[in-house]
Amino acid sequence: SYLSPTRQGDNSLIISEIPYLYWYLIPCKMKVILILLLSCCTIGLCAQVKSYDYAYEKKKGICVYSIAGKTEVLVTQGHDPCISPDGTKLAYTVYSKNGNRTIGIIDLTTKQKTLLHTNSHNCYGPVWSPDGNYVVYNVFDEQKANWSISVINIADGLPRVITKKQEQCYSPAWSNDSKSVITQDLDDIFVFDLGGNIINRYIVTDVVKGMGLSSTDRVL
């Protein structure tokens, strides 16, 4: 047993029980420290990164949902939720009491919240890149009274406007390879690379006559 190591007839300890003898030789204070360290290690090993499959808004706030766990979790107050590709983080629009809008990110495991430095008091609608390295969003340039599209690299946190070559861009979306952003100006569809170059342009009226992307005449 742990308390009374079994002895053979020659009064020698069984080899497998020698470690238990060492335990009795350790001072009590040291035993407490070792137990605490082992407990911390066990907790750390048992802690699992939480991931979810969907994010959506309800009256009570932004929720995330796990298909495997069949659980819904209320995360925070805000709008325009977008869950990261690995399901571990949430990007969303944060509204301040004075009416400003910025972009926040929540770690869904630790619940830690981070506000991105967007260099603007009016931005919204974050969208994760498929590789999880970037967030793209709508941002308003107050000096030019112009809606633009900005991208933030999560690694360095630096925002970069990528639609300087085209005014009034909205509703960003990503290409599958995370190398370009698709957006529109209520008339045409543009594809920008992350350096801000227009790499493609689709004139909607050339494809479907009499259709636009504005709320007054769109059909899709």
Protein backbone atom coordinates (compact mmCIF):
# COMPACT_ATOMS: atom_id res chain seq x y z
CA SER A 1 0.00 0.00 0.00
CA TYR A 2 1.03 3.66 -0.24
CA LEU A 3 1.22 4.02 3.55
CA SER A 4 2.89 0.72 4.41
CA PRO A 5 5.26 -0.54 1.74
CA THR A 6 5.31 -4.33 1.63
CA ARG A 7 8.55 -5.99 2.74
CA GLN A 8 9.90 -9.33 1.66
CA GLY A 9 11.17 -11.92 4.14
CA ASP A 10 14.70 -10.48 4.10
CA ASN A 11 13.33 -7.08 5.18
CA SER A 12 14.31 -5.44 1.87
CA LEU A 13 11.86 -3.15 0.06
CA ILE A 14 10.31 -4.25 -3.21
CA ILE A 15 12.03 -2.21 -5.92
CA SER A 16 8.76 -0.86 -7.31
CA GLU A 17 7.95 0.61 -3.89
CA ILE A 18 11.17 2.59 -3.46
CA PRO A 19 9.60 5.82 -4.90
CA TYR A 20 6.96 5.73 -2.15
CA LEU A 21 9.73 5.68 0.47
CA TYR A 22 11.22 8.81 -1.09
CA TRP A 23 7.83 10.49 -0.72
CA TYR A 24 7.98 10.03 3.08
CA LEU A 25 11.43 11.59 3.15
CA ILE A 26 10.17 14.84 1.55
CA PRO A 27 9.35 17.64 4.06
CA CYS A 28 5.65 18.43 4.46
CA LYS A 29 5.92 21.95 3.00
CA MET A 30 7.61 20.58 -0.10
CA LYS A 31 4.82 17.99 -0.46
CA VAL A 32 2.21 20.77 -0.47
CA ILE A 33 4.11 22.66 -3.18
CA LEU A 34 4.43 19.53 -5.32
CA ILE A 35 0.72 18.76 -4.97
CA LEU A 36 -0.19 22.32 -6.02
CA LEU A 37 2.13 22.14 -9.02
CA LEU A 38 0.67 18.82 -10.10
CA SER A 39 -2.85 20.22 -9.72
CA CYS A 40 -2.02 23.24 -11.91
CA CYS A 41 -0.53 20.98 -14.57
CA THR A 42 -3.62 18.77 -14.53
CA ILE A 43 -5.93 21.77 -14.90
CA GLY A 44 -3.81 23.08 -17.76
CA LEU A 45 -3.92 19.75 -19.56
CA CYS A 46 -7.66 19.42 -19.06
CA ALA A 47 -8.40 22.96 -20.30
CA GLN A 48 -9.53 22.80 -23.92
CA VAL A 49 -9.78 25.52 -26.49
CA LYS A 50 -13.46 26.18 -27.10
CA SER A 51 -14.66 26.44 -30.67
CA TYR A 52 -18.08 27.19 -32.12
CA ASP A 53 -19.75 26.86 -35.50
CA TYR A 54 -22.10 29.85 -35.76
CA ALA A 55 -22.45 33.39 -34.48
CA TYR A 56 -25.65 35.43 -34.64
CA GLU A 57 -27.55 38.29 -33.03
CA LYS A 58 -30.56 37.97 -30.73
CA LYS A 59 -32.40 40.55 -28.66
CA LYS A 60 -30.26 39.70 -25.64
CA GLY A 61 -26.99 40.08 -27.55
CA ILE A 62 -24.51 38.14 -29.72
CA CYS A 63 -24.59 34.37 -29.32
CA VAL A 64 -22.41 31.53 -30.58
CA TYR A 65 -23.51 27.95 -31.14
CA SER A 66 -21.68 24.61 -31.08
CA ILE A 67 -23.14 21.84 -33.24
CA ALA A 68 -21.21 19.10 -31.42
CA GLY A 69 -22.15 20.32 -27.96
CA LYS A 70 -25.62 21.52 -29.01
CA THR A 71 -25.05 24.58 -26.84
CA GLU A 72 -25.78 28.26 -27.30
CA VAL A 73 -23.63 30.77 -25.41
CA LEU A 74 -24.39 34.48 -24.95
CA VAL A 75 -21.08 36.22 -25.62
CA THR A 76 -21.51 40.00 -25.57
CA GLN A 77 -23.52 43.01 -26.67
CA GLY A 78 -22.83 44.27 -30.18
CA HIS A 79 -23.68 43.81 -33.83
CA ASP A 80 -22.46 42.22 -37.09
CA PRO A 81 -20.89 39.10 -35.51
CA CYS A 82 -18.45 37.07 -37.59
CA ILE A 83 -16.85 33.92 -36.20
CA SER A 84 -13.25 33.04 -37.12
CA PRO A 85 -12.63 30.08 -39.46
CA ASP A 86 -11.37 27.92 -36.57
CA GLY A 87 -14.36 28.91 -34.41
CA THR A 88 -12.26 30.19 -31.50
CA LYS A 89 -12.66 33.96 -31.94
CA LEU A 90 -15.45 36.39 -32.70
CA ALA A 91 -15.18 39.73 -34.53
CA TYR A 92 -18.06 42.18 -34.15
CA THR A 93 -19.10 45.83 -34.27
CA VAL A 94 -18.84 47.65 -30.94
CA TYR A 95 -21.12 50.61 -30.30
CA SER A 96 -20.02 53.18 -27.70
CA LYS A 97 -22.37 55.30 -25.59
CA ASN A 98 -21.57 58.39 -27.68
CA GLY A 99 -22.52 56.64 -30.91
CA ASN A 100 -19.09 55.71 -32.21
CA ARG A 101 -18.54 52.35 -33.90
CA THR A 102 -15.39 50.27 -33.89
CA ILE A 103 -14.31 46.63 -34.28
CA GLY A 104 -13.82 44.25 -31.37
CA ILE A 105 -12.52 40.69 -31.11
CA ILE A 106 -13.37 38.17 -28.37
CA ASP A 107 -11.40 35.04 -27.55
CA LEU A 108 -14.20 32.52 -27.05
CA THR A 109 -12.10 30.40 -24.67
CA THR A 110 -10.75 33.09 -22.32
CA LYS A 111 -13.56 35.64 -23.02
CA GLN A 112 -10.86 38.31 -23.37
CA LYS A 113 -12.01 41.32 -25.41
CA THR A 114 -9.76 43.40 -27.66
CA LEU A 115 -10.62 46.59 -29.54
CA LEU A 116 -8.82 46.90 -32.86
CA HIS A 117 -7.07 50.18 -33.68
CA THR A 118 -9.09 51.14 -36.74
CA ASN A 119 -8.10 54.85 -36.84
CA SER A 120 -11.77 55.68 -37.20
CA HIS A 121 -14.82 56.38 -35.04
CA ASN A 122 -17.17 54.97 -37.65
CA CYS A 123 -16.52 51.46 -38.93
CA TYR A 124 -18.56 48.27 -38.92
CA GLY A 125 -19.15 44.82 -40.39
CA PRO A 126 -15.92 42.84 -39.78
CA VAL A 127 -15.30 39.74 -41.90
CA TRP A 128 -12.56 37.17 -41.21
CA SER A 129 -10.32 36.02 -44.01
CA PRO A 130 -10.53 32.25 -44.72
CA ASP A 131 -7.00 31.75 -43.32
CA GLY A 132 -7.90 33.63 -40.11
CA ASN A 133 -5.03 36.12 -40.46
CA TYR A 134 -6.99 39.23 -41.45
CA VAL A 135 -10.20 41.11 -40.72
CA VAL A 136 -11.77 43.35 -43.36
CA TYR A 137 -14.44 45.96 -42.56
CA ASN A 138 -16.28 49.09 -43.75
CA VAL A 139 -14.77 52.40 -42.61
CA PHE A 140 -15.90 56.00 -43.10
CA ASP A 141 -13.38 58.68 -44.09
CA GLU A 142 -14.77 61.83 -42.47
CA GLN A 143 -12.46 64.19 -44.35
CA LYS A 144 -13.49 62.87 -47.77
CA ALA A 145 -17.01 61.83 -46.71
CA ASN A 146 -16.24 58.51 -48.33
CA TRP A 147 -16.94 54.90 -47.38
CA SER A 148 -13.88 52.72 -47.82
CA ILE A 149 -12.72 49.18 -47.07
CA SER A 150 -9.90 48.53 -44.59
CA VAL A 151 -7.97 45.39 -43.72
CA ILE A 152 -6.22 44.63 -40.43
CA ASN A 153 -3.53 42.02 -40.11
CA ILE A 154 -4.25 40.36 -36.76
CA ALA A 155 -0.54 39.72 -36.21
CA ASP A 156 0.50 43.41 -36.19
CA GLY A 157 -2.88 45.11 -35.65
CA LEU A 158 -2.23 47.77 -38.29
CA PRO A 159 -5.20 48.96 -40.41
CA ARG A 160 -4.78 49.59 -44.12
CA VAL A 161 -7.31 51.15 -46.50
CA ILE A 162 -7.27 49.09 -49.71
CA THR A 163 -9.90 50.98 -51.77
CA LYS A 164 -8.17 54.34 -52.22
CA LYS A 165 -8.43 53.91 -55.99
CA GLN A 166 -12.22 53.68 -55.89
CA GLU A 167 -14.65 55.82 -53.91
CA GLN A 168 -17.71 54.63 -51.99
CA CYS A 169 -17.05 50.93 -51.52
CA TYR A 170 -19.21 48.67 -49.36
CA SER A 171 -19.91 45.09 -48.25
CA PRO A 172 -16.47 43.45 -48.34
CA ALA A 173 -16.04 39.72 -48.87
CA TRP A 174 -12.95 37.52 -49.24
CA SER A 175 -11.60 35.36 -52.02
CA ASN A 176 -11.05 31.72 -51.05
CA ASP A 177 -7.27 32.13 -50.92
CA SER A 178 -7.40 35.20 -48.58
CA LYS A 179 -5.35 37.20 -51.10
CA SER A 180 -8.04 39.56 -52.36
CA VAL A 181 -11.21 41.35 -51.26
CA ILE A 182 -14.42 41.69 -53.28
CA THR A 183 -16.50 44.83 -52.78
CA GLN A 184 -19.03 47.02 -54.64
CA ASP A 185 -19.91 50.69 -55.13
CA LEU A 186 -23.67 50.20 -55.67
CA ASP A 187 -23.05 49.94 -59.43
CA ASP A 188 -20.07 47.69 -60.07
CA ILE A 189 -18.17 44.90 -58.34
CA PHE A 190 -14.44 45.32 -57.67
CA VAL A 191 -11.70 42.93 -56.65
CA PHE A 192 -8.76 44.44 -54.73
CA ASP A 193 -5.56 42.78 -53.69
CA LEU A 194 -4.26 43.49 -50.18
CA GLY A 195 -1.92 46.12 -51.56
CA GLY A 196 -4.87 48.22 -52.75
CA ASN A 197 -4.65 47.44 -56.46
CA ILE A 198 -7.79 46.80 -58.52
CA ILE A 199 -7.22 43.39 -60.07
CA ASN A 200 -10.70 42.99 -61.56
CA ARG A 201 -13.88 44.93 -62.18
CA TYR A 202 -17.31 43.59 -63.10
CA ILE A 203 -19.81 46.06 -64.55
CA VAL A 204 -23.13 44.68 -63.42
CA THR A 205 -25.20 46.43 -66.09
CA ASP A 206 -23.13 44.73 -68.79
CA VAL A 207 -24.26 41.39 -67.44
CA VAL A 208 -27.85 42.13 -66.47
CA LYS A 209 -29.50 45.19 -68.01
CA GLY A 210 -31.44 47.48 -65.72
CA MET A 211 -30.03 46.03 -62.50
CA GLY A 212 -27.94 47.78 -59.88
CA LEU A 213 -26.70 47.08 -56.38
CA SER A 214 -28.31 49.99 -54.57
CA SER A 215 -31.33 49.47 -52.31
CA THR A 216 -33.56 51.27 -54.81
CA ASP A 217 -33.11 48.92 -57.74
CA ARG A 218 -31.38 45.72 -56.66
CA VAL A 219 -33.09 42.43 -57.35
CA LEU A 220 -30.69 40.02 -55.65
